[in-house]
Amino acid sequence: MLSIIFALADVAETYGPYFLKGMAAIGAGITMLGGIGAGIGEGIIGGKAVEAVGRNPEANDLIRSNMIISIGLTETVAIYCLVVAILLIFVLGV
């Protein structure tokens, strides 16, 4: 971890502070693309759950509980992407 900080200091010294801030902003934007995947995944999960309930209404409770667990796991990806983007923005001082 310490070597990464020294490498960032060398980059900032070589290219100037604005290069490092620009790369952090681009990295934060790329990181948030993971939120798109999570949104698509949640839509697919919800659609397949509705389809499964339509085919087998007796299994409604089991399907709903599995859907909620799956959506929760999928949402963690989006939250991790948000945390990494916020760290890039605020730690590197964009």
Protein backbone atom coordinates (compact mmCIF):
# COMPACT_ATOMS: atom_id res chain seq x y z
CA MET A 1 0.00 0.00 0.00
CA LEU A 2 2.83 2.35 0.85
CA SER A 3 4.46 1.71 -2.52
CA ILE A 4 1.25 2.79 -4.26
CA ILE A 5 1.29 6.08 -2.36
CA PHE A 6 4.93 6.67 -3.36
CA ALA A 7 4.10 5.81 -6.99
CA LEU A 8 1.22 8.31 -6.96
CA ALA A 9 3.53 10.95 -5.51
CA ASP A 10 6.02 10.32 -8.32
CA VAL A 11 3.27 10.61 -10.94
CA ALA A 12 2.04 13.85 -9.45
CA GLU A 13 5.58 15.20 -9.35
CA THR A 14 6.31 14.18 -12.94
CA TYR A 15 3.08 15.16 -14.70
CA GLY A 16 1.65 17.72 -12.31
CA PRO A 17 -1.25 17.48 -9.87
CA TYR A 18 -3.92 17.96 -12.52
CA PHE A 19 -2.95 14.76 -14.34
CA LEU A 20 -3.50 12.72 -11.19
CA LYS A 21 -6.84 14.42 -10.49
CA GLY A 22 -7.96 13.83 -14.07
CA MET A 23 -7.04 10.16 -13.93
CA ALA A 24 -8.90 9.82 -10.62
CA ALA A 25 -12.01 11.37 -12.17
CA ILE A 26 -11.81 9.06 -15.18
CA GLY A 27 -11.28 6.06 -12.88
CA ALA A 28 -14.31 7.04 -10.78
CA GLY A 29 -16.43 7.26 -13.92
CA ILE A 30 -15.26 3.88 -15.16
CA THR A 31 -15.88 2.41 -11.71
CA MET A 32 -19.49 3.54 -11.75
CA LEU A 33 -20.08 1.53 -14.93
CA GLY A 34 -20.38 -1.41 -12.54
CA GLY A 35 -23.65 0.14 -11.38
CA ILE A 36 -25.06 -0.37 -14.86
CA GLY A 37 -24.31 -4.08 -14.67
CA ALA A 38 -25.91 -4.32 -11.26
CA GLY A 39 -29.05 -2.57 -12.52
CA ILE A 40 -29.30 -4.90 -15.49
CA GLY A 41 -28.77 -7.90 -13.21
CA GLU A 42 -31.51 -6.78 -10.84
CA GLY A 43 -33.91 -6.34 -13.74
CA ILE A 44 -33.17 -9.82 -15.03
CA ILE A 45 -33.60 -11.30 -11.54
CA GLY A 46 -36.94 -9.57 -11.07
CA GLY A 47 -38.19 -10.56 -14.51
CA LYS A 48 -37.25 -14.20 -14.06
CA ALA A 49 -38.86 -14.26 -10.61
CA VAL A 50 -42.14 -12.91 -12.01
CA GLU A 51 -41.93 -15.47 -14.80
CA ALA A 52 -41.32 -18.28 -12.29
CA VAL A 53 -44.27 -17.20 -10.12
CA GLY A 54 -46.44 -17.13 -13.22
CA ARG A 55 -45.50 -20.70 -14.02
CA ASN A 56 -45.71 -22.05 -10.46
CA PRO A 57 -47.79 -19.84 -8.14
CA GLU A 58 -47.53 -22.33 -5.25
CA ALA A 59 -43.79 -21.63 -4.93
CA ASN A 60 -44.35 -17.90 -4.50
CA ASP A 61 -42.75 -17.65 -1.03
CA LEU A 62 -39.62 -19.60 -1.98
CA ILE A 63 -39.16 -17.66 -5.22
CA ARG A 64 -39.63 -14.32 -3.47
CA SER A 65 -37.12 -15.10 -0.72
CA ASN A 66 -34.53 -16.30 -3.24
CA MET A 67 -35.16 -13.19 -5.34
CA ILE A 68 -34.64 -10.86 -2.39
CA ILE A 69 -31.37 -12.58 -1.44
CA SER A 70 -30.16 -12.43 -5.05
CA ILE A 71 -31.04 -8.76 -5.41
CA GLY A 72 -29.24 -8.01 -2.15
CA LEU A 73 -26.09 -9.73 -3.38
CA THR A 74 -26.31 -7.93 -6.71
CA GLU A 75 -26.77 -4.58 -4.99
CA THR A 76 -23.52 -5.03 -3.07
CA VAL A 77 -21.64 -4.78 -6.37
CA ALA A 78 -23.15 -1.36 -7.03
CA ILE A 79 -22.39 -0.24 -3.47
CA TYR A 80 -18.77 -1.37 -3.78
CA CYS A 81 -18.47 0.55 -7.05
CA LEU A 82 -19.87 3.64 -5.37
CA VAL A 83 -17.46 3.33 -2.43
CA VAL A 84 -14.44 2.96 -4.74
CA ALA A 85 -15.57 5.96 -6.81
CA ILE A 86 -16.03 8.10 -3.69
CA LEU A 87 -12.61 7.06 -2.41
CA LEU A 88 -11.02 7.97 -5.74
CA ILE A 89 -12.68 11.36 -5.77
CA PHE A 90 -12.17 12.41 -2.17
CA VAL A 91 -8.86 10.72 -1.31
CA LEU A 92 -7.10 11.89 -4.45
CA GLY A 93 -8.72 15.29 -4.12
CA VAL A 94 -10.58 15.74 -7.39
